[in-house]
Protein backbone atom coordinates (compact mmCIF):
# COMPACT_ATOMS: atom_id res chain seq x y z
CA MET A 1 0.00 0.00 0.00
CA LYS A 2 2.87 2.41 0.67
CA HIS A 3 3.49 2.75 -3.07
CA ASN A 4 -0.06 3.90 -3.81
CA LEU A 5 -0.17 7.40 -5.26
CA LEU A 6 -3.19 9.36 -4.13
CA SER A 7 -5.17 11.81 -6.21
CA VAL A 8 -6.26 15.08 -4.65
CA GLU A 9 -9.77 13.73 -4.17
CA GLU A 10 -8.51 10.46 -2.67
CA MET A 11 -6.42 12.43 -0.15
CA ARG A 12 -9.43 14.60 0.75
CA LYS A 13 -11.53 11.49 1.34
CA THR A 14 -8.71 9.93 3.37
CA ASP A 15 -8.49 12.95 5.67
CA GLN A 16 -12.24 12.89 6.14
CA ALA A 17 -12.33 9.13 6.79
CA GLU A 18 -9.69 9.54 9.51
CA ILE A 19 -11.60 12.41 11.12
CA ASP A 20 -14.87 10.45 10.91
CA THR A 21 -13.32 7.70 13.06
CA GLY A 22 -12.75 10.22 15.85
CA THR A 23 -9.30 11.64 15.10
CA ASP A 24 -9.00 15.36 15.87
CA SER A 25 -8.34 17.29 12.63
CA LEU A 26 -6.22 19.80 14.59
CA TRP A 27 -4.05 16.92 15.84
CA LEU A 28 -3.42 15.89 12.23
CA MET A 29 -2.58 19.48 11.31
CA GLU A 30 -0.22 19.77 14.28
CA ASN A 31 1.54 16.57 13.20
CA ALA A 32 1.89 17.87 9.65
CA GLY A 33 3.46 21.11 10.82
CA ILE A 34 5.82 19.30 13.17
CA ALA A 35 6.94 17.03 10.31
CA VAL A 36 7.90 20.13 8.31
CA VAL A 37 9.76 21.55 11.32
CA LYS A 38 11.73 18.32 11.77
CA HIS A 39 12.81 18.43 8.14
CA ILE A 40 13.85 22.08 8.44
CA ARG A 41 15.91 21.42 11.57
CA ARG A 42 17.67 18.46 9.91
CA THR A 43 18.46 20.44 6.79
CA PHE A 44 19.02 24.11 7.64
CA SER A 45 20.88 26.11 10.26
CA LYS A 46 18.87 28.35 12.54
CA GLY A 47 18.16 31.69 10.90
CA ASN A 48 15.51 34.07 9.62
CA VAL A 49 12.49 32.40 8.07
CA LEU A 50 9.52 33.79 6.17
CA ILE A 51 6.42 31.60 6.32
CA LEU A 52 3.80 32.22 3.64
CA CYS A 53 0.36 31.00 4.69
CA GLY A 54 -2.77 30.73 2.61
CA PRO A 55 -6.36 30.71 3.87
CA GLY A 56 -6.85 26.94 3.68
CA ASN A 57 -5.53 24.00 5.66
CA ASN A 58 -2.14 24.27 3.95
CA GLY A 59 -1.85 27.67 5.61
CA GLY A 60 -2.88 26.07 8.90
CA ASP A 61 0.15 23.78 8.60
CA GLY A 62 2.25 26.89 8.07
CA PHE A 63 1.03 28.47 11.32
CA VAL A 64 2.08 25.33 13.18
CA VAL A 65 5.54 25.57 11.59
CA ALA A 66 5.82 29.22 12.60
CA ARG A 67 4.88 28.57 16.22
CA HIS A 68 7.37 25.74 16.70
CA LEU A 69 10.27 27.42 14.91
CA GLN A 70 9.77 30.56 16.98
CA LYS A 71 9.90 28.50 20.19
CA MET A 72 13.20 27.06 18.95
CA GLY A 73 14.73 30.51 18.61
CA TRP A 74 14.25 31.20 14.90
CA ASP A 75 13.45 34.72 13.75
CA VAL A 76 10.00 34.16 12.17
CA GLN A 77 7.82 36.33 9.96
CA VAL A 78 4.37 35.12 8.93
CA VAL A 79 2.55 36.45 5.88
CA LEU A 80 -1.14 35.67 5.38
CA PHE A 81 -2.11 35.72 1.74
CA GLY A 82 -5.85 36.06 1.40
CA ASP A 83 -8.78 37.21 3.46
CA SER A 84 -8.58 36.22 7.12
CA GLU A 85 -12.39 36.11 7.18
CA LYS A 86 -12.31 33.30 4.60
CA MET A 87 -9.83 31.05 6.38
CA SER A 88 -10.77 27.46 7.01
CA GLN A 89 -11.90 26.59 10.51
CA ASP A 90 -8.74 24.64 11.33
CA ALA A 91 -6.45 27.26 9.81
CA THR A 92 -8.20 29.91 11.92
CA ALA A 93 -7.63 27.84 15.06
CA MET A 94 -3.92 27.49 14.31
CA ALA A 95 -3.59 31.17 13.43
CA GLU A 96 -4.99 32.01 16.87
CA ARG A 97 -2.27 29.89 18.48
CA TRP A 98 0.40 31.93 16.65
CA GLU A 99 1.46 34.69 19.01
CA GLY A 100 3.21 36.87 16.47
CA GLU A 101 2.02 39.36 13.89
CA LEU A 102 0.24 38.44 10.65
CA LEU A 103 1.79 40.47 7.83
CA ALA A 104 0.53 41.34 4.36
CA LEU A 105 2.78 40.60 1.38
CA GLU A 106 3.90 44.22 1.06
CA SER A 107 4.86 44.37 4.76
CA ALA A 108 7.27 41.43 4.76
CA SER A 109 10.96 42.19 5.12
CA LEU A 110 13.16 40.23 2.73
CA SER A 111 16.47 41.42 4.16
CA ASN A 112 18.58 38.83 5.96
CA LEU A 113 16.16 36.00 5.16
CA THR A 114 17.73 32.54 5.07
CA LEU A 115 14.65 30.38 4.36
CA VAL A 116 11.09 30.57 3.01
CA VAL A 117 8.29 28.13 3.85
CA ASP A 118 5.60 27.92 1.18
CA ALA A 119 2.31 27.00 2.89
CA ILE A 120 0.09 29.05 0.60
CA PHE A 121 -1.79 26.50 -1.47
CA GLY A 122 -1.75 22.72 -1.29
CA THR A 123 -2.52 19.98 -3.79
CA GLY A 124 -6.12 21.06 -4.26
CA LEU A 125 -5.34 24.29 -6.11
CA ASP A 126 -7.22 24.44 -9.43
CA ARG A 127 -6.64 28.02 -10.57
CA THR A 128 -3.71 30.19 -11.57
CA LEU A 129 -1.90 32.21 -8.92
CA GLU A 130 -2.78 35.86 -8.46
CA PRO A 131 -0.42 38.37 -10.18
CA GLU A 132 0.62 40.01 -6.90
CA LEU A 133 1.58 36.62 -5.44
CA ILE A 134 3.57 35.72 -8.55
CA GLU A 135 5.44 39.01 -8.33
CA PHE A 136 6.19 38.44 -4.64
CA LEU A 137 7.41 34.87 -5.19
CA ASP A 138 9.73 36.06 -7.96
CA SER A 139 11.15 38.71 -5.61
CA LEU A 140 12.45 35.92 -3.34
CA GLU A 141 15.12 35.22 -5.98
CA ASP A 142 17.42 32.35 -4.93
CA LEU A 143 16.25 31.86 -1.35
CA PRO A 144 15.71 28.18 -0.49
CA ILE A 145 12.02 27.29 -0.29
CA VAL A 146 10.50 24.43 1.68
CA SER A 147 7.04 23.65 0.32
CA VAL A 148 4.26 22.18 2.42
CA ASP A 149 2.61 19.30 0.53
CA ILE A 150 3.41 20.68 -2.96
CA PRO A 151 4.87 23.89 -4.40
CA SER A 152 2.09 26.47 -4.71
CA GLY A 153 0.96 26.64 -8.32
CA VAL A 154 1.52 22.95 -9.12
CA ASN A 155 -1.57 20.83 -9.75
CA GLY A 156 -1.56 17.90 -7.32
CA ASP A 157 -3.06 15.47 -9.83
CA THR A 158 -1.32 16.34 -13.09
CA GLY A 159 1.96 17.98 -12.08
CA LEU A 160 1.08 20.80 -14.50
CA ILE A 161 1.92 24.38 -13.54
CA LEU A 162 -1.08 26.64 -13.03
CA GLY A 163 0.46 29.68 -14.62
CA HIS A 164 3.43 30.02 -12.27
CA ALA A 165 5.28 28.10 -9.55
CA ARG A 166 8.64 28.47 -7.82
CA GLN A 167 11.37 25.88 -7.55
CA ALA A 168 11.39 24.30 -4.11
CA HIS A 169 14.51 23.13 -2.34
CA SER A 170 12.39 20.38 -0.80
CA THR A 171 8.76 19.45 -0.26
CA VAL A 172 7.20 17.70 2.72
CA THR A 173 4.03 15.77 1.92
CA PHE A 174 1.87 13.58 4.12
CA CYS A 175 0.44 10.06 4.24
CA HIS A 176 1.17 9.15 0.59
CA LYS A 177 2.79 10.79 -2.40
CA LYS A 178 0.39 12.41 -4.85
CA THR A 179 0.48 11.77 -8.58
CA GLY A 180 1.50 15.39 -9.19
CA HIS A 181 4.71 14.83 -7.22
CA LEU A 182 5.98 12.33 -9.82
CA LEU A 183 4.79 13.96 -13.05
CA TYR A 184 6.73 16.69 -14.84
CA PRO A 185 7.02 19.63 -14.75
CA GLY A 186 5.81 19.58 -11.13
CA ARG A 187 8.24 16.83 -10.22
CA ALA A 188 11.19 19.05 -11.11
CA LEU A 189 9.86 21.91 -8.97
CA THR A 190 9.24 19.66 -5.95
CA GLY A 191 12.93 19.27 -5.13
CA GLU A 192 13.70 16.60 -2.56
CA LEU A 193 10.40 14.93 -1.64
CA ILE A 194 9.93 14.02 2.02
CA LEU A 195 7.04 11.70 2.91
CA ALA A 196 5.86 12.12 6.50
CA ASP A 197 3.55 9.96 8.62
CA ILE A 198 1.07 12.19 10.46
CA GLY A 199 -0.97 9.44 12.09
CA ILE A 200 -3.50 8.49 9.42
CA LYS A 201 -4.32 4.80 9.78
CA ASP A 202 -3.96 2.48 6.79
CA GLU A 203 -7.57 1.34 6.98
CA ASN A 204 -8.74 4.92 6.42
CA ILE A 205 -6.78 5.47 3.21
CA GLN A 206 -9.29 5.87 0.40
CA THR A 207 -8.24 4.63 -3.04
CA ASP A 208 -10.26 3.89 -6.14
CA GLN A 209 -10.07 0.52 -7.88
CA ILE A 210 -7.95 2.07 -10.64
CA SER A 211 -5.72 4.01 -8.29
CA CYS A 212 -2.24 4.83 -9.56
CA ILE A 213 0.91 3.18 -8.16
CA GLU A 214 4.55 4.24 -8.10
CA ASN A 215 6.57 1.60 -9.91
CA HIS A 216 8.65 -0.63 -7.64
CA LYS A 217 10.25 -4.04 -7.82
CA GLY A 218 7.85 -5.60 -5.34
CA LEU A 219 5.11 -5.46 -7.98
CA TRP A 220 6.77 -7.90 -10.34
CA ARG A 221 9.99 -9.17 -8.77
CA ASP A 222 8.84 -12.76 -9.27
CA LEU A 223 9.09 -12.27 -13.03
CA PHE A 224 12.87 -12.49 -12.73
CA HIS A 225 13.17 -16.05 -11.48
CA PRO A 226 16.04 -18.39 -12.42
CA PRO A 227 15.23 -20.96 -15.12
CA LYS A 228 13.88 -24.31 -13.97
CA HIS A 229 16.34 -27.20 -13.77
CA ASP A 230 14.77 -28.88 -16.78
CA ALA A 231 14.48 -25.68 -18.86
CA HIS A 232 15.51 -25.57 -22.51
CA LYS A 233 15.84 -22.67 -24.90
CA PHE A 234 12.27 -22.85 -26.19
CA SER A 235 10.69 -23.25 -22.77
CA ARG A 236 12.41 -20.01 -21.71
CA GLY A 237 10.61 -18.00 -24.38
CA TYR A 238 10.84 -17.56 -28.13
CA ALA A 239 10.79 -13.97 -29.41
CA ILE A 240 10.74 -12.75 -33.01
CA VAL A 241 12.09 -9.25 -33.71
CA ALA A 242 11.28 -7.62 -37.05
CA GLY A 243 14.60 -6.53 -38.50
CA ALA A 244 15.30 -3.10 -39.96
CA GLU A 245 16.84 -2.95 -43.43
CA VAL A 246 18.95 0.17 -42.89
CA MET A 247 19.01 1.11 -39.18
CA THR A 248 20.11 -2.34 -38.12
CA GLY A 249 21.63 -1.20 -34.84
CA ALA A 250 18.17 -0.66 -33.36
CA THR A 251 17.17 -4.24 -34.19
CA ARG A 252 20.36 -5.69 -32.77
CA LEU A 253 19.99 -3.78 -29.51
CA ALA A 254 16.41 -4.97 -29.14
CA ALA A 255 17.25 -8.60 -29.94
CA ARG A 256 20.15 -8.73 -27.51
CA SER A 257 18.04 -7.09 -24.79
CA ALA A 258 15.35 -9.74 -25.23
CA GLN A 259 18.04 -12.39 -24.81
CA ARG A 260 19.65 -10.78 -21.79
CA ILE A 261 16.36 -10.45 -19.93
CA GLY A 262 15.77 -14.17 -20.26
CA ALA A 263 14.23 -15.16 -23.60
CA GLY A 264 15.90 -18.43 -24.57
CA TYR A 265 15.49 -18.18 -28.34
CA VAL A 266 15.46 -14.92 -30.29
CA VAL A 267 14.94 -14.68 -34.04
CA ILE A 268 15.44 -11.64 -36.26
CA ALA A 269 13.08 -11.66 -39.23
CA SER A 270 15.29 -9.73 -41.64
CA PRO A 271 14.83 -8.30 -45.10
CA GLU A 272 17.08 -10.43 -47.29
CA LYS A 273 19.34 -7.47 -48.12
CA ALA A 274 20.30 -7.01 -44.46
CA SER A 275 20.40 -10.63 -43.33
CA THR A 276 24.14 -11.13 -43.93
CA LEU A 277 24.97 -8.13 -41.74
CA TYR A 278 22.86 -9.53 -38.90
CA ARG A 279 24.45 -12.98 -39.24
CA VAL A 280 28.01 -11.72 -39.04
CA SER A 281 27.34 -9.29 -36.17
CA LEU A 282 25.27 -11.53 -33.89
CA SER A 283 26.41 -14.95 -32.76
CA SER A 284 23.54 -16.36 -30.69
CA VAL A 285 20.59 -14.64 -32.37
CA ILE A 286 18.96 -16.64 -35.18
CA VAL A 287 18.54 -14.71 -38.44
CA ARG A 288 15.89 -15.65 -40.97
CA GLY A 289 15.66 -13.67 -44.17
CA TYR A 290 12.60 -12.91 -46.27
CA ARG A 291 11.99 -11.31 -49.67
CA ASP A 292 8.37 -10.17 -49.31
CA THR A 293 5.46 -10.04 -46.88
CA THR A 294 4.59 -13.66 -47.60
CA GLY A 295 8.06 -14.71 -46.52
CA TYR A 296 7.82 -12.52 -43.42
CA LYS A 297 4.50 -14.13 -42.54
CA GLU A 298 6.04 -17.59 -42.77
CA ILE A 299 8.66 -16.64 -40.19
CA LEU A 300 5.98 -15.35 -37.82
CA ARG A 301 3.97 -18.54 -38.13
CA ASP A 302 6.50 -20.71 -36.34
CA GLN A 303 4.15 -22.26 -33.77
CA ARG A 304 6.84 -22.14 -31.10
CA ALA A 305 7.01 -18.32 -31.17
CA ASP A 306 5.72 -16.61 -28.02
CA ALA A 307 6.03 -12.86 -28.68
CA TYR A 308 6.84 -10.36 -31.42
CA LEU A 309 8.51 -6.96 -31.61
CA ILE A 310 8.20 -4.65 -34.59
CA GLY A 311 9.25 -1.05 -35.10
CA PRO A 312 12.83 -0.34 -33.96
CA GLY A 313 14.78 1.17 -36.86
CA MET A 314 12.02 0.20 -39.26
CA GLY A 315 11.55 3.44 -41.17
CA TYR A 316 8.72 3.95 -43.63
CA ALA A 317 9.98 1.52 -46.26
CA PHE A 318 7.66 0.03 -48.86
CA GLY A 319 5.44 -2.63 -47.27
CA ALA A 320 6.22 -1.56 -43.69
CA GLN A 321 2.58 -0.92 -42.74
CA GLU A 322 1.59 -4.24 -44.24
CA ARG A 323 4.18 -6.03 -42.11
CA VAL A 324 2.89 -4.36 -38.95
CA LEU A 325 -0.69 -5.40 -39.72
CA THR A 326 0.47 -8.91 -40.64
CA THR A 327 2.21 -9.15 -37.26
CA MET A 328 -0.89 -8.06 -35.42
CA LYS A 329 -3.13 -10.56 -37.22
CA GLU A 330 -1.24 -13.45 -35.63
CA GLY A 331 -2.81 -12.55 -32.28
CA LYS A 332 0.30 -13.25 -30.22
CA PRO A 333 1.71 -10.84 -27.60
CA THR A 334 3.28 -7.98 -29.54
CA VAL A 335 5.30 -4.86 -28.79
CA LEU A 336 4.87 -1.95 -31.20
CA ASP A 337 7.66 0.62 -31.02
CA ALA A 338 8.95 3.66 -32.90
CA ASP A 339 8.00 3.74 -36.59
CA ALA A 340 5.45 0.94 -36.19
CA LEU A 341 3.42 3.60 -34.36
CA SER A 342 4.28 6.79 -36.23
CA MET A 343 3.44 5.38 -39.67
CA PHE A 344 -0.22 5.13 -38.64
CA SER A 345 -0.55 8.84 -37.82
CA GLU A 346 -3.10 9.27 -40.63
CA ASN A 347 -4.99 6.04 -39.93
CA GLN A 348 -4.91 5.24 -36.23
CA ASP A 349 -8.10 3.17 -36.31
CA LEU A 350 -6.54 0.80 -38.84
CA LEU A 351 -3.84 -0.01 -36.30
CA PHE A 352 -6.14 -0.18 -33.28
CA ASN A 353 -8.62 -2.43 -35.05
CA SER A 354 -5.83 -4.83 -36.01
CA ILE A 355 -5.08 -5.73 -32.37
CA LYS A 356 -6.03 -9.38 -31.86
CA GLY A 357 -4.01 -10.26 -28.76
CA PRO A 358 -1.99 -8.66 -25.95
CA CYS A 359 -0.34 -5.53 -27.29
CA ILE A 360 2.08 -2.98 -25.83
CA MET A 361 2.79 0.36 -27.49
CA THR A 362 5.87 2.29 -26.40
CA PRO A 363 5.67 5.88 -27.73
CA HIS A 364 7.78 8.81 -26.65
CA GLU A 365 6.04 12.19 -26.71
CA GLY A 366 6.57 12.80 -30.43
CA GLU A 367 5.22 9.39 -31.39
CA PHE A 368 2.36 9.73 -28.90
CA GLY A 369 1.39 13.03 -30.54
CA LYS A 370 1.26 11.41 -33.97
CA LEU A 371 -0.88 8.50 -32.83
CA PHE A 372 -3.05 10.34 -30.27
CA PRO A 373 -3.00 14.03 -31.32
CA GLU A 374 -6.37 14.90 -29.82
CA ILE A 375 -5.46 13.34 -26.48
CA LEU A 376 -2.05 15.03 -26.29
CA SER A 377 -3.66 18.42 -26.94
CA GLN A 378 -5.82 18.11 -23.82
CA PRO A 379 -4.39 19.85 -20.70
CA ILE A 380 -5.15 16.88 -18.46
CA GLY A 381 -1.62 15.74 -17.68
CA LYS A 382 0.39 12.72 -18.73
CA LEU A 383 -1.33 10.21 -16.45
CA GLU A 384 -4.82 10.80 -17.82
CA GLN A 385 -3.49 11.12 -21.37
CA THR A 386 -1.93 7.66 -21.07
CA ARG A 387 -5.10 6.19 -19.62
CA LEU A 388 -7.20 7.64 -22.45
CA ALA A 389 -4.75 6.35 -25.06
CA ALA A 390 -4.87 2.85 -23.58
CA LYS A 391 -8.66 2.89 -23.56
CA GLN A 392 -8.88 4.21 -27.12
CA SER A 393 -6.35 1.79 -28.59
CA GLY A 394 -7.05 -1.31 -26.51
CA ALA A 395 -3.32 -1.69 -25.80
CA VAL A 396 -1.05 -1.25 -22.82
CA ILE A 397 0.58 2.15 -23.35
CA VAL A 398 4.10 2.93 -22.16
CA PHE A 399 4.27 6.72 -22.54
CA LYS A 400 8.02 7.13 -22.26
CA GLY A 401 9.95 9.99 -20.73
CA ALA A 402 11.59 11.04 -17.50
CA ASP A 403 8.25 10.26 -15.86
CA THR A 404 7.20 7.21 -17.88
CA VAL A 405 3.56 6.29 -17.36
CA ILE A 406 2.22 2.78 -18.03
CA ALA A 407 -1.55 2.25 -18.35
CA ASP A 408 -3.85 -0.51 -19.53
CA PRO A 409 -7.34 -0.17 -21.08
CA SER A 410 -9.03 -0.63 -17.69
CA GLY A 411 -7.39 2.54 -16.36
CA LYS A 412 -4.85 0.80 -14.12
CA ALA A 413 -1.69 2.89 -14.16
CA ILE A 414 1.86 3.06 -12.88
CA ILE A 415 4.25 6.03 -12.81
CA ASN A 416 7.95 5.25 -12.98
CA SER A 417 10.32 7.43 -10.96
CA ASN A 418 13.76 5.79 -10.95
CA ALA A 419 15.07 6.64 -14.42
CA PRO A 420 18.09 8.98 -14.68
CA SER A 421 18.52 11.51 -17.46
CA ASP A 422 21.53 9.51 -18.71
CA LEU A 423 19.02 7.25 -20.47
CA ALA A 424 18.35 10.05 -22.98
CA THR A 425 20.63 8.52 -25.59
CA ALA A 426 20.17 6.90 -28.98
CA GLY A 427 19.14 3.25 -28.77
CA SER A 428 17.91 3.40 -25.18
CA GLY A 429 14.30 2.95 -26.29
CA ASP A 430 15.24 -0.01 -28.48
CA VAL A 431 16.76 -1.70 -25.44
CA LEU A 432 13.55 -1.12 -23.49
CA ALA A 433 11.39 -2.52 -26.29
CA GLY A 434 13.55 -5.64 -26.42
CA MET A 435 13.36 -6.08 -22.65
CA ILE A 436 9.56 -5.89 -22.69
CA THR A 437 9.43 -8.39 -25.55
CA GLY A 438 11.73 -10.81 -23.75
CA LEU A 439 9.49 -10.76 -20.68
CA LEU A 440 6.37 -11.25 -22.81
CA ALA A 441 8.00 -14.23 -24.51
CA GLN A 442 8.45 -15.86 -21.11
CA GLY A 443 4.68 -15.93 -20.63
CA ASN A 444 4.27 -12.82 -18.48
CA GLN A 445 1.26 -10.51 -18.67
CA ALA A 446 1.55 -7.39 -20.83
CA PHE A 447 1.07 -4.82 -18.05
CA SER A 448 3.50 -6.44 -15.61
CA SER A 449 6.06 -7.02 -18.40
CA ALA A 450 5.96 -3.35 -19.30
CA ALA A 451 6.20 -2.18 -15.67
CA ALA A 452 9.06 -4.55 -14.86
CA ALA A 453 11.07 -3.65 -17.94
CA VAL A 454 10.62 0.10 -17.41
CA TRP A 455 11.78 -0.12 -13.79
CA LEU A 456 14.75 -2.34 -14.63
CA HIS A 457 15.64 -0.01 -17.50
CA GLY A 458 15.84 2.82 -14.98
CA GLU A 459 18.03 0.74 -12.69
CA LEU A 460 20.34 -0.03 -15.60
CA GLY A 461 20.71 3.69 -16.20
CA ASN A 462 21.64 4.22 -12.56
CA LEU A 463 24.02 1.27 -12.63
CA CYS A 464 25.87 2.43 -15.75
CA GLY A 465 25.81 6.11 -14.84
CA GLN A 466 27.07 9.15 -16.66
CA GLY A 467 28.54 8.45 -20.08
CA LEU A 468 26.47 5.36 -20.78
CA ILE A 469 25.50 4.33 -24.29
CA ALA A 470 22.72 1.91 -25.20
CA GLU A 471 25.06 -1.06 -25.55
CA ASP A 472 26.10 -0.60 -21.91
CA LEU A 473 22.50 -1.11 -20.80
CA VAL A 474 22.29 -4.49 -22.51
CA ASP A 475 25.53 -5.73 -21.01
CA ALA A 476 24.57 -4.54 -17.51
CA ILE A 477 21.37 -6.59 -17.31
CA PRO A 478 23.01 -9.59 -15.55
CA GLN A 479 24.45 -7.31 -12.86
CA ALA A 480 21.07 -5.65 -12.38
CA PHE A 481 19.56 -9.10 -11.80
CA LYS A 482 22.09 -9.71 -9.03
CA ASN A 483 21.11 -6.44 -7.40
CA LEU A 484 17.48 -7.58 -7.27
CA ILE A 485 18.28 -10.46 -4.98
């Protein structure tokens, strides 16, 4: 349960469920403020702090922070942004416990400040910030900011910026992370994310059936089991990778990744012109050449085959669309990557209607925009965009990026958070596609195969580190397996 990501509404219901069981809402607010104070004391030296409070419960947390820091000898200024007559009941109660002055924005002194606490608006904000607040936040320049729950101006569900938001040094949130903490651009503004327990009991946490989860190895660790004692190459999974005619490196990366992640038998279905290159450059991958779509179809129809991959390096060569549709007609688990997606930008329904079995699509933002232009244009955030795309297509969608989102047609979704920026290199996506295919070939479900491969791909990036190239990721897979144990 600790990996569940709560929406704004789920967190509101959770708070209310806890209060309905008899917990004092002011006790929860006190605990939240104390959690922020503990983080500040661990991180910063005692100094001059400006605490910005809004009229809602986020501001109430800020008043708690102010009271405790003042008792500890900090020089504290408190600014109330908004009408004191419109403060929430709990925020009003905490403001009354604050023994200092409540300042307006224009009355705050910025000289000698060492820290700012942003307790203006929490995750429930659904409007743009007021111009005078934006101007004031910009006047803080490079002062470190600790945000309460989420940086003001970031949508708690989507991670989108509501007109303006400041970069936080760190953010303290409560009970569970929210989806907006892991989705860009909000994720970048959150800084270090601190998750604090404020006393909400697990049984009171309210989640929908299609609640979102942060990707973690506990979800699918069992997928990476050692082969059985009586295993042979075909029992470990047979994958067929459609070979590119020109950009052969993409195919080779994908094929080797499928092998490394455990598929026992990997075949490249290669255009005849490129087959010799594949044969001389790959020792343990089987290469089967074809001259036309009929020959390609014959390779696919090997009854022992468990999963297909088509798209890496494919280009828009003559007959490419026909080969994609031919692959889909077989009804076996299939990964569609790169050009296998983009080439259907003018006829998406033709592709979607061809899906006969488990299918995973792995678009980056550019490819997603070609296949789902109307969805990408909606300002609903990456999570909901991925869910809509999965529902529309009938496939598991892996919307790649620094905050990769995986969703299936039912709405179940996972956000990945462990991938370093070093993975932004040519061929990295081909490695991921091959990893997913290799897991599919071993009989794993589409959604769990995608989630497992995406997480392991991130770990490979962390393992290889700065300077990595795609080939390094493939070769590091055995070491990453050892680290899972």
